[in-house]
Amino acid sequence: MFRVVCCWLQIFNPPYVPTPDDEVQSRGLSSAWAGGFKGRRVIDRFMPQLSRVLRCGGQLLLVAVAENDPQGAVVRSKQADEETLSIVQLTKL
């Protein structure tokens, strides 16, 4: 039997690059970056699970790009080749 342990901080660097949806299920190297439509397929599967493991007042730090349409406060951005990576902070109320 497993016990759910709640945490104060979750850091998530998902595959965020917008790609065709079938690449999300690949088992090759592209699975490291293939995020599907708008780069959100993995992010959208992850978010509903977060409420089970994040304490009230806990924070999520999420790596995202503008194409992901991230919701939350951008706390840091950095240009990396042709993309701008952002760290988005969300707090569970």
PDB file of N, CA and C in Angstrom:
ATOM      1  N   MET A   1       0.831  -1.162   0.000  1.00  0.00           N
ATOM      2  CA  MET A   1       0.000   0.000   0.000  1.00  0.00           C
ATOM      3  C   MET A   1       0.892   1.248   0.000  1.00  0.00           C
ATOM      4  N   PHE A   2       0.497   2.248  -0.763  1.00  0.00           N
ATOM      5  CA  PHE A   2       1.266   3.478  -0.862  1.00  0.00           C
ATOM      6  C   PHE A   2       0.590   4.584  -0.069  1.00  0.00           C
ATOM      7  N   ARG A   3       1.396   5.450   0.483  1.00  0.00           N
ATOM      8  CA  ARG A   3       0.893   6.600   1.215  1.00  0.00           C
ATOM      9  C   ARG A   3       1.255   7.861   0.434  1.00  0.00           C
ATOM     10  N   VAL A   4       0.302   8.742   0.249  1.00  0.00           N
ATOM     11  CA  VAL A   4       0.557   9.996  -0.452  1.00  0.00           C
ATOM     12  C   VAL A   4       1.229  10.959   0.518  1.00  0.00           C
ATOM     13  N   VAL A   5       2.387  11.467   0.122  1.00  0.00           N
ATOM     14  CA  VAL A   5       3.119  12.435   0.929  1.00  0.00           C
ATOM     15  C   VAL A   5       2.995  13.791   0.255  1.00  0.00           C
ATOM     16  N   CYS A   6       2.528  14.776   0.983  1.00  0.00           N
ATOM     17  CA  CYS A   6       2.374  16.119   0.424  1.00  0.00           C
ATOM     18  C   CYS A   6       3.669  16.899   0.576  1.00  0.00           C
ATOM     19  N   CYS A   7       3.934  17.753  -0.392  1.00  0.00           N
ATOM     20  CA  CYS A   7       5.174  18.522  -0.383  1.00  0.00           C
ATOM     21  C   CYS A   7       4.885  20.011  -0.520  1.00  0.00           C
ATOM     22  N   TRP A   8       5.894  20.814  -0.205  1.00  0.00           N
ATOM     23  CA  TRP A   8       5.781  22.269  -0.301  1.00  0.00           C
ATOM     24  C   TRP A   8       6.212  22.788  -1.653  1.00  0.00           C
ATOM     25  N   LEU A   9       7.084  22.041  -2.334  1.00  0.00           N
ATOM     26  CA  LEU A   9       7.640  22.513  -3.596  1.00  0.00           C
ATOM     27  C   LEU A   9       7.706  21.374  -4.599  1.00  0.00           C
ATOM     28  N   GLN A  10       7.218  21.628  -5.790  1.00  0.00           N
ATOM     29  CA  GLN A  10       7.303  20.676  -6.903  1.00  0.00           C
ATOM     30  C   GLN A  10       7.977  21.418  -8.053  1.00  0.00           C
ATOM     31  N   ILE A  11       9.025  20.832  -8.611  1.00  0.00           N
ATOM     32  CA  ILE A  11       9.711  21.407  -9.766  1.00  0.00           C
ATOM     33  C   ILE A  11       9.462  20.471 -10.939  1.00  0.00           C
ATOM     34  N   PHE A  12       8.980  21.024 -12.055  1.00  0.00           N
ATOM     35  CA  PHE A  12       8.577  20.208 -13.198  1.00  0.00           C
ATOM     36  C   PHE A  12       9.159  20.784 -14.478  1.00  0.00           C
ATOM     37  N   ASN A  13       9.990  19.999 -15.143  1.00  0.00           N
ATOM     38  CA  ASN A  13      10.570  20.361 -16.436  1.00  0.00           C
ATOM     39  C   ASN A  13      10.021  19.372 -17.464  1.00  0.00           C
ATOM     40  N   PRO A  14       8.797  19.613 -17.926  1.00  0.00           N
ATOM     41  CA  PRO A  14       8.140  18.653 -18.816  1.00  0.00           C
ATOM     42  C   PRO A  14       8.650  18.764 -20.246  1.00  0.00           C
ATOM     43  N   PRO A  15       8.329  17.781 -21.081  1.00  0.00           N
ATOM     44  CA  PRO A  15       8.527  17.965 -22.519  1.00  0.00           C
ATOM     45  C   PRO A  15       7.557  19.056 -22.978  1.00  0.00           C
ATOM     46  N   TYR A  16       8.065  20.211 -23.390  1.00  0.00           N
ATOM     47  CA  TYR A  16       7.216  21.382 -23.642  1.00  0.00           C
ATOM     48  C   TYR A  16       7.215  21.862 -25.085  1.00  0.00           C
ATOM     49  N   VAL A  17       8.017  21.255 -25.953  1.00  0.00           N
ATOM     50  CA  VAL A  17       8.113  21.728 -27.338  1.00  0.00           C
ATOM     51  C   VAL A  17       6.858  21.316 -28.109  1.00  0.00           C
ATOM     52  N   PRO A  18       6.183  22.254 -28.773  1.00  0.00           N
ATOM     53  CA  PRO A  18       5.021  21.900 -29.593  1.00  0.00           C
ATOM     54  C   PRO A  18       5.427  20.946 -30.722  1.00  0.00           C
ATOM     55  N   THR A  19       4.751  19.806 -30.801  1.00  0.00           N
ATOM     56  CA  THR A  19       5.029  18.777 -31.810  1.00  0.00           C
ATOM     57  C   THR A  19       3.711  18.117 -32.202  1.00  0.00           C
ATOM     58  N   PRO A  20       3.714  17.298 -33.269  1.00  0.00           N
ATOM     59  CA  PRO A  20       2.523  16.485 -33.537  1.00  0.00           C
ATOM     60  C   PRO A  20       2.252  15.577 -32.327  1.00  0.00           C
ATOM     61  N   ASP A  21       0.977  15.354 -32.025  1.00  0.00           N
ATOM     62  CA  ASP A  21       0.613  14.573 -30.839  1.00  0.00           C
ATOM     63  C   ASP A  21       1.210  13.174 -30.820  1.00  0.00           C
ATOM     64  N   ASP A  22       1.383  12.542 -31.982  1.00  0.00           N
ATOM     65  CA  ASP A  22       1.903  11.173 -31.989  1.00  0.00           C
ATOM     66  C   ASP A  22       3.346  11.101 -31.492  1.00  0.00           C
ATOM     67  N   GLU A  23       4.082  12.195 -31.517  1.00  0.00           N
ATOM     68  CA  GLU A  23       5.455  12.190 -31.007  1.00  0.00           C
ATOM     69  C   GLU A  23       5.502  12.095 -29.486  1.00  0.00           C
ATOM     70  N   VAL A  24       4.437  12.478 -28.805  1.00  0.00           N
ATOM     71  CA  VAL A  24       4.415  12.419 -27.340  1.00  0.00           C
ATOM     72  C   VAL A  24       4.567  10.978 -26.870  1.00  0.00           C
ATOM     73  N   GLN A  25       4.019  10.035 -27.605  1.00  0.00           N
ATOM     74  CA  GLN A  25       4.064   8.624 -27.228  1.00  0.00           C
ATOM     75  C   GLN A  25       5.321   7.909 -27.710  1.00  0.00           C
ATOM     76  N   SER A  26       6.216   8.617 -28.395  1.00  0.00           N
ATOM     77  CA  SER A  26       7.405   7.959 -28.942  1.00  0.00           C
ATOM     78  C   SER A  26       8.305   7.467 -27.816  1.00  0.00           C
ATOM     79  N   ARG A  27       9.112   6.496 -28.139  1.00  0.00           N
ATOM     80  CA  ARG A  27      10.045   5.953 -27.159  1.00  0.00           C
ATOM     81  C   ARG A  27      11.477   6.374 -27.467  1.00  0.00           C
ATOM     82  N   GLY A  28      11.657   7.163 -28.498  1.00  0.00           N
ATOM     83  CA  GLY A  28      12.982   7.622 -28.878  1.00  0.00           C
ATOM     84  C   GLY A  28      13.386   8.877 -28.128  1.00  0.00           C
ATOM     85  N   LEU A  29      14.467   9.471 -28.594  1.00  0.00           N
ATOM     86  CA  LEU A  29      14.999  10.678 -27.971  1.00  0.00           C
ATOM     87  C   LEU A  29      13.998  11.826 -27.987  1.00  0.00           C
ATOM     88  N   SER A  30      13.129  11.869 -29.006  1.00  0.00           N
ATOM     89  CA  SER A  30      12.166  12.976 -29.096  1.00  0.00           C
ATOM     90  C   SER A  30      11.191  13.000 -27.920  1.00  0.00           C
ATOM     91  N   SER A  31      11.047  11.893 -27.207  1.00  0.00           N
ATOM     92  CA  SER A  31      10.142  11.887 -26.050  1.00  0.00           C
ATOM     93  C   SER A  31      10.629  12.833 -24.948  1.00  0.00           C
ATOM     94  N   ALA A  32      11.898  13.237 -25.005  1.00  0.00           N
ATOM     95  CA  ALA A  32      12.434  14.170 -24.011  1.00  0.00           C
ATOM     96  C   ALA A  32      11.914  15.585 -24.214  1.00  0.00           C
ATOM     97  N   TRP A  33      11.515  15.924 -25.437  1.00  0.00           N
ATOM     98  CA  TRP A  33      11.048  17.292 -25.700  1.00  0.00           C
ATOM     99  C   TRP A  33       9.657  17.364 -26.313  1.00  0.00           C
ATOM    100  N   ALA A  34       9.139  16.281 -26.857  1.00  0.00           N
ATOM    101  CA  ALA A  34       7.867  16.302 -27.586  1.00  0.00           C
ATOM    102  C   ALA A  34       6.694  16.551 -26.642  1.00  0.00           C
ATOM    103  N   GLY A  35       6.082  17.738 -26.774  1.00  0.00           N
ATOM    104  CA  GLY A  35       4.994  18.120 -25.885  1.00  0.00           C
ATOM    105  C   GLY A  35       3.614  18.058 -26.498  1.00  0.00           C
ATOM    106  N   GLY A  36       3.512  17.676 -27.792  1.00  0.00           N
ATOM    107  CA  GLY A  36       2.199  17.617 -28.423  1.00  0.00           C
ATOM    108  C   GLY A  36       1.657  18.996 -28.746  1.00  0.00           C
ATOM    109  N   PHE A  37       0.333  19.077 -28.918  1.00  0.00           N
ATOM    110  CA  PHE A  37      -0.333  20.314 -29.305  1.00  0.00           C
ATOM    111  C   PHE A  37      -0.010  21.423 -28.306  1.00  0.00           C
ATOM    112  N   LYS A  38       0.506  22.526 -28.785  1.00  0.00           N
ATOM    113  CA  LYS A  38       0.918  23.677 -27.970  1.00  0.00           C
ATOM    114  C   LYS A  38       1.934  23.298 -26.894  1.00  0.00           C
ATOM    115  N   GLY A  39       2.516  22.101 -27.004  1.00  0.00           N
ATOM    116  CA  GLY A  39       3.488  21.656 -26.011  1.00  0.00           C
ATOM    117  C   GLY A  39       2.872  21.349 -24.663  1.00  0.00           C
ATOM    118  N   ARG A  40       1.555  21.102 -24.630  1.00  0.00           N
ATOM    119  CA  ARG A  40       0.834  20.998 -23.357  1.00  0.00           C
ATOM    120  C   ARG A  40       0.331  19.600 -23.009  1.00  0.00           C
ATOM    121  N   ARG A  41       0.544  18.596 -23.856  1.00  0.00           N
ATOM    122  CA  ARG A  41      -0.052  17.280 -23.571  1.00  0.00           C
ATOM    123  C   ARG A  41       0.406  16.717 -22.232  1.00  0.00           C
ATOM    124  N   VAL A  42       1.695  16.743 -21.946  1.00  0.00           N
ATOM    125  CA  VAL A  42       2.196  16.207 -20.672  1.00  0.00           C
ATOM    126  C   VAL A  42       1.826  17.145 -19.524  1.00  0.00           C
ATOM    127  N   ILE A  43       1.945  18.445 -19.746  1.00  0.00           N
ATOM    128  CA  ILE A  43       1.583  19.431 -18.717  1.00  0.00           C
ATOM    129  C   ILE A  43       0.125  19.250 -18.305  1.00  0.00           C
ATOM    130  N   ASP A  44      -0.770  19.105 -19.276  1.00  0.00           N
ATOM    131  CA  ASP A  44      -2.202  18.981 -18.977  1.00  0.00           C
ATOM    132  C   ASP A  44      -2.540  17.674 -18.267  1.00  0.00           C
ATOM    133  N   ARG A  45      -1.750  16.620 -18.464  1.00  0.00           N
ATOM    134  CA  ARG A  45      -1.967  15.372 -17.716  1.00  0.00           C
ATOM    135  C   ARG A  45      -1.438  15.498 -16.288  1.00  0.00           C
ATOM    136  N   PHE A  46      -0.397  16.283 -16.118  1.00  0.00           N
ATOM    137  CA  PHE A  46       0.245  16.442 -14.812  1.00  0.00           C
ATOM    138  C   PHE A  46      -0.561  17.316 -13.845  1.00  0.00           C
ATOM    139  N   MET A  47      -1.104  18.405 -14.331  1.00  0.00           N
ATOM    140  CA  MET A  47      -1.716  19.418 -13.459  1.00  0.00           C
ATOM    141  C   MET A  47      -2.835  18.884 -12.557  1.00  0.00           C
ATOM    142  N   PRO A  48      -3.767  18.048 -13.035  1.00  0.00           N
ATOM    143  CA  PRO A  48      -4.809  17.553 -12.124  1.00  0.00           C
ATOM    144  C   PRO A  48      -4.251  16.690 -10.984  1.00  0.00           C
ATOM    145  N   GLN A  49      -3.107  16.050 -11.191  1.00  0.00           N
ATOM    146  CA  GLN A  49      -2.499  15.210 -10.156  1.00  0.00           C
ATOM    147  C   GLN A  49      -1.818  16.045  -9.072  1.00  0.00           C
ATOM    148  N   LEU A  50      -1.449  17.261  -9.422  1.00  0.00           N
ATOM    149  CA  LEU A  50      -0.683  18.113  -8.516  1.00  0.00           C
ATOM    150  C   LEU A  50      -1.425  18.406  -7.219  1.00  0.00           C
ATOM    151  N   SER A  51      -2.728  18.584  -7.287  1.00  0.00           N
ATOM    152  CA  SER A  51      -3.492  18.945  -6.083  1.00  0.00           C
ATOM    153  C   SER A  51      -3.437  17.848  -5.017  1.00  0.00           C
ATOM    154  N   ARG A  52      -3.153  16.621  -5.409  1.00  0.00           N
ATOM    155  CA  ARG A  52      -3.067  15.514  -4.448  1.00  0.00           C
ATOM    156  C   ARG A  52      -1.769  15.537  -3.655  1.00  0.00           C
ATOM    157  N   VAL A  53      -0.709  16.099  -4.223  1.00  0.00           N
ATOM    158  CA  VAL A  53       0.601  16.001  -3.577  1.00  0.00           C
ATOM    159  C   VAL A  53       1.181  17.336  -3.122  1.00  0.00           C
ATOM    160  N   LEU A  54       0.541  18.440  -3.480  1.00  0.00           N
ATOM    161  CA  LEU A  54       1.052  19.753  -3.094  1.00  0.00           C
ATOM    162  C   LEU A  54       0.226  20.296  -1.929  1.00  0.00           C
ATOM    163  N   ARG A  55       0.890  20.701  -0.866  1.00  0.00           N
ATOM    164  CA  ARG A  55       0.207  21.263   0.306  1.00  0.00           C
ATOM    165  C   ARG A  55      -0.405  22.622  -0.023  1.00  0.00           C
ATOM    166  N   CYS A  56      -1.391  23.038   0.746  1.00  0.00           N
ATOM    167  CA  CYS A  56      -1.923  24.398   0.611  1.00  0.00           C
ATOM    168  C   CYS A  56      -0.790  25.372   0.906  1.00  0.00           C
ATOM    169  N   GLY A  57      -0.607  26.345   0.049  1.00  0.00           N
ATOM    170  CA  GLY A  57       0.507  27.276   0.161  1.00  0.00           C
ATOM    171  C   GLY A  57       1.757  26.779  -0.531  1.00  0.00           C
ATOM    172  N   GLY A  58       1.742  25.523  -0.986  1.00  0.00           N
ATOM    173  CA  GLY A  58       2.884  24.957  -1.698  1.00  0.00           C
ATOM    174  C   GLY A  58       3.008  25.548  -3.091  1.00  0.00           C
ATOM    175  N   GLN A  59       4.187  25.404  -3.670  1.00  0.00           N
ATOM    176  CA  GLN A  59       4.445  26.022  -4.962  1.00  0.00           C
ATOM    177  C   GLN A  59       4.913  25.016  -6.003  1.00  0.00           C
ATOM    178  N   LEU A  60       4.518  25.309  -7.241  1.00  0.00           N
ATOM    179  CA  LEU A  60       5.004  24.585  -8.412  1.00  0.00           C
ATOM    180  C   LEU A  60       5.876  25.542  -9.207  1.00  0.00           C
ATOM    181  N   LEU A  61       7.060  25.090  -9.583  1.00  0.00           N
ATOM    182  CA  LEU A  61       7.907  25.807 -10.527  1.00  0.00           C
ATOM    183  C   LEU A  61       7.928  24.973 -11.796  1.00  0.00           C
ATOM    184  N   LEU A  62       7.473  25.563 -12.886  1.00  0.00           N
ATOM    185  CA  LEU A  62       7.274  24.866 -14.151  1.00  0.00           C
ATOM    186  C   LEU A  62       8.112  25.520 -15.238  1.00  0.00           C
ATOM    187  N   VAL A  63       8.883  24.716 -15.970  1.00  0.00           N
ATOM    188  CA  VAL A  63       9.621  25.224 -17.127  1.00  0.00           C
ATOM    189  C   VAL A  63       8.660  25.243 -18.305  1.00  0.00           C
ATOM    190  N   ALA A  64       8.588  26.387 -19.003  1.00  0.00           N
ATOM    191  CA  ALA A  64       7.638  26.530 -20.109  1.00  0.00           C
ATOM    192  C   ALA A  64       8.188  27.495 -21.153  1.00  0.00           C
ATOM    193  N   VAL A  65       7.558  27.464 -22.315  1.00  0.00           N
ATOM    194  CA  VAL A  65       7.819  28.438 -23.380  1.00  0.00           C
ATOM    195  C   VAL A  65       6.496  29.138 -23.682  1.00  0.00           C
ATOM    196  N   ALA A  66       6.562  30.265 -24.369  1.00  0.00           N
ATOM    197  CA  ALA A  66       5.357  31.064 -24.634  1.00  0.00           C
ATOM    198  C   ALA A  66       4.276  30.265 -25.349  1.00  0.00           C
ATOM    199  N   GLU A  67       4.657  29.346 -26.242  1.00  0.00           N
ATOM    200  CA  GLU A  67       3.678  28.549 -26.996  1.00  0.00           C
ATOM    201  C   GLU A  67       2.816  27.680 -26.091  1.00  0.00           C
ATOM    202  N   ASN A  68       3.282  27.404 -24.864  1.00  0.00           N
ATOM    203  CA  ASN A  68       2.517  26.595 -23.914  1.00  0.00           C
ATOM    204  C   ASN A  68       1.367  27.370 -23.287  1.00  0.00           C
ATOM    205  N   ASP A  69       1.294  28.680 -23.487  1.00  0.00           N
ATOM    206  CA  ASP A  69       0.301  29.542 -22.830  1.00  0.00           C
ATOM    207  C   ASP A  69       0.287  29.309 -21.322  1.00  0.00           C
ATOM    208  N   PRO A  70       1.442  29.463 -20.670  1.00  0.00           N
ATOM    209  CA  PRO A  70       1.488  29.174 -19.232  1.00  0.00           C
ATOM    210  C   PRO A  70       0.662  30.168 -18.428  1.00  0.00           C
ATOM    211  N   GLN A  71       0.024  29.662 -17.387  1.00  0.00           N
ATOM    212  CA  GLN A  71      -0.749  30.484 -16.456  1.00  0.00           C
ATOM    213  C   GLN A  71       0.052  30.572 -15.169  1.00  0.00           C
ATOM    214  N   GLY A  72       0.238  31.746 -14.649  1.00  0.00           N
ATOM    215  CA  GLY A  72       0.997  31.918 -13.416  1.00  0.00           C
ATOM    216  C   GLY A  72       2.001  33.033 -13.576  1.00  0.00           C
ATOM    217  N   ALA A  73       2.741  33.275 -12.520  1.00  0.00           N
ATOM    218  CA  ALA A  73       3.725  34.357 -12.515  1.00  0.00           C
ATOM    219  C   ALA A  73       5.041  33.864 -13.101  1.00  0.00           C
ATOM    220  N   VAL A  74       5.551  34.556 -14.099  1.00  0.00           N
ATOM    221  CA  VAL A  74       6.865  34.228 -14.654  1.00  0.00           C
ATOM    222  C   VAL A  74       7.904  34.840 -13.718  1.00  0.00           C
ATOM    223  N   VAL A  75       8.702  33.982 -13.077  1.00  0.00           N
ATOM    224  CA  VAL A  75       9.681  34.473 -12.107  1.00  0.00           C
ATOM    225  C   VAL A  75      11.077  34.590 -12.691  1.00  0.00           C
ATOM    226  N   ARG A  76      11.295  33.972 -13.854  1.00  0.00           N
ATOM    227  CA  ARG A  76      12.609  34.054 -14.508  1.00  0.00           C
ATOM    228  C   ARG A  76      12.451  33.647 -15.959  1.00  0.00           C
ATOM    229  N   SER A  77      13.152  34.331 -16.846  1.00  0.00           N
ATOM    230  CA  SER A  77      13.173  33.976 -18.271  1.00  0.00           C
ATOM    231  C   SER A  77      14.602  34.032 -18.766  1.00  0.00           C
ATOM    232  N   LYS A  78      14.894  33.186 -19.760  1.00  0.00           N
ATOM    233  CA  LYS A  78      16.234  33.164 -20.337  1.00  0.00           C
ATOM    234  C   LYS A  78      16.138  32.763 -21.801  1.00  0.00           C
ATOM    235  N   GLN A  79      16.835  33.485 -22.643  1.00  0.00           N
ATOM    236  CA  GLN A  79      16.903  33.159 -24.065  1.00  0.00           C
ATOM    237  C   GLN A  79      17.840  31.968 -24.238  1.00  0.00           C
ATOM    238  N   ALA A  80      17.388  30.942 -24.939  1.00  0.00           N
ATOM    239  CA  ALA A  80      18.188  29.748 -25.216  1.00  0.00           C
ATOM    240  C   ALA A  80      18.018  29.411 -26.691  1.00  0.00           C
ATOM    241  N   ASP A  81      19.015  29.753 -27.495  1.00  0.00           N
ATOM    242  CA  ASP A  81      18.934  29.603 -28.949  1.00  0.00           C
ATOM    243  C   ASP A  81      17.715  30.347 -29.478  1.00  0.00           C
ATOM    244  N   GLU A  82      16.778  29.636 -30.126  1.00  0.00           N
ATOM    245  CA  GLU A  82      15.614  30.303 -30.733  1.00  0.00           C
ATOM    246  C   GLU A  82      14.413  30.407 -29.809  1.00  0.00           C
ATOM    247  N   GLU A  83      14.521  29.930 -28.572  1.00  0.00           N
ATOM    248  CA  GLU A  83      13.362  29.964 -27.686  1.00  0.00           C
ATOM    249  C   GLU A  83      13.679  30.705 -26.389  1.00  0.00           C
ATOM    250  N   THR A  84      12.646  31.215 -25.781  1.00  0.00           N
ATOM    251  CA  THR A  84      12.782  31.837 -24.468  1.00  0.00           C
ATOM    252  C   THR A  84      12.155  30.904 -23.442  1.00  0.00           C
ATOM    253  N   LEU A  85      12.979  30.398 -22.549  1.00  0.00           N
ATOM    254  CA  LEU A  85      12.500  29.521 -21.484  1.00  0.00           C
ATOM    255  C   LEU A  85      12.070  30.371 -20.302  1.00  0.00           C
ATOM    256  N   SER A  86      10.968  29.995 -19.694  1.00  0.00           N
ATOM    257  CA  SER A  86      10.468  30.714 -18.524  1.00  0.00           C
ATOM    258  C   SER A  86      10.243  29.745 -17.380  1.00  0.00           C
ATOM    259  N   ILE A  87      10.464  30.230 -16.177  1.00  0.00           N
ATOM    260  CA  ILE A  87      10.081  29.503 -14.974  1.00  0.00           C
ATOM    261  C   ILE A  87       8.791  30.159 -14.492  1.00  0.00           C
ATOM    262  N   VAL A  88       7.732  29.370 -14.476  1.00  0.00           N
ATOM    263  CA  VAL A  88       6.410  29.857 -14.073  1.00  0.00           C
ATOM    264  C   VAL A  88       6.131  29.335 -12.668  1.00  0.00           C
ATOM    265  N   GLN A  89       5.695  30.213 -11.793  1.00  0.00           N
ATOM    266  CA  GLN A  89       5.406  29.854 -10.410  1.00  0.00           C
ATOM    267  C   GLN A  89       3.900  29.869 -10.172  1.00  0.00           C
ATOM    268  N   LEU A  90       3.396  28.771  -9.625  1.00  0.00           N
ATOM    269  CA  LEU A  90       1.993  28.679  -9.233  1.00  0.00           C
ATOM    270  C   LEU A  90       1.945  28.289  -7.765  1.00  0.00           C
ATOM    271  N   THR A  91       1.005  28.850  -7.036  1.00  0.00           N
ATOM    272  CA  THR A  91       0.854  28.563  -5.612  1.00  0.00           C
ATOM    273  C   THR A  91      -0.518  27.956  -5.373  1.00  0.00           C
ATOM    274  N   LYS A  92      -0.548  26.847  -4.638  1.00  0.00           N
ATOM    275  CA  LYS A  92      -1.827  26.210  -4.306  1.00  0.00           C
ATOM    276  C   LYS A  92      -2.482  26.976  -3.165  1.00  0.00           C
ATOM    277  N   LEU A  93      -3.715  27.382  -3.389  1.00  0.00           N
ATOM    278  CA  LEU A  93      -4.451  28.122  -2.356  1.00  0.00           C
ATOM    279  C   LEU A  93      -5.200  27.188  -1.442  1.00  0.00           C
TER     280      LEU A  93
END
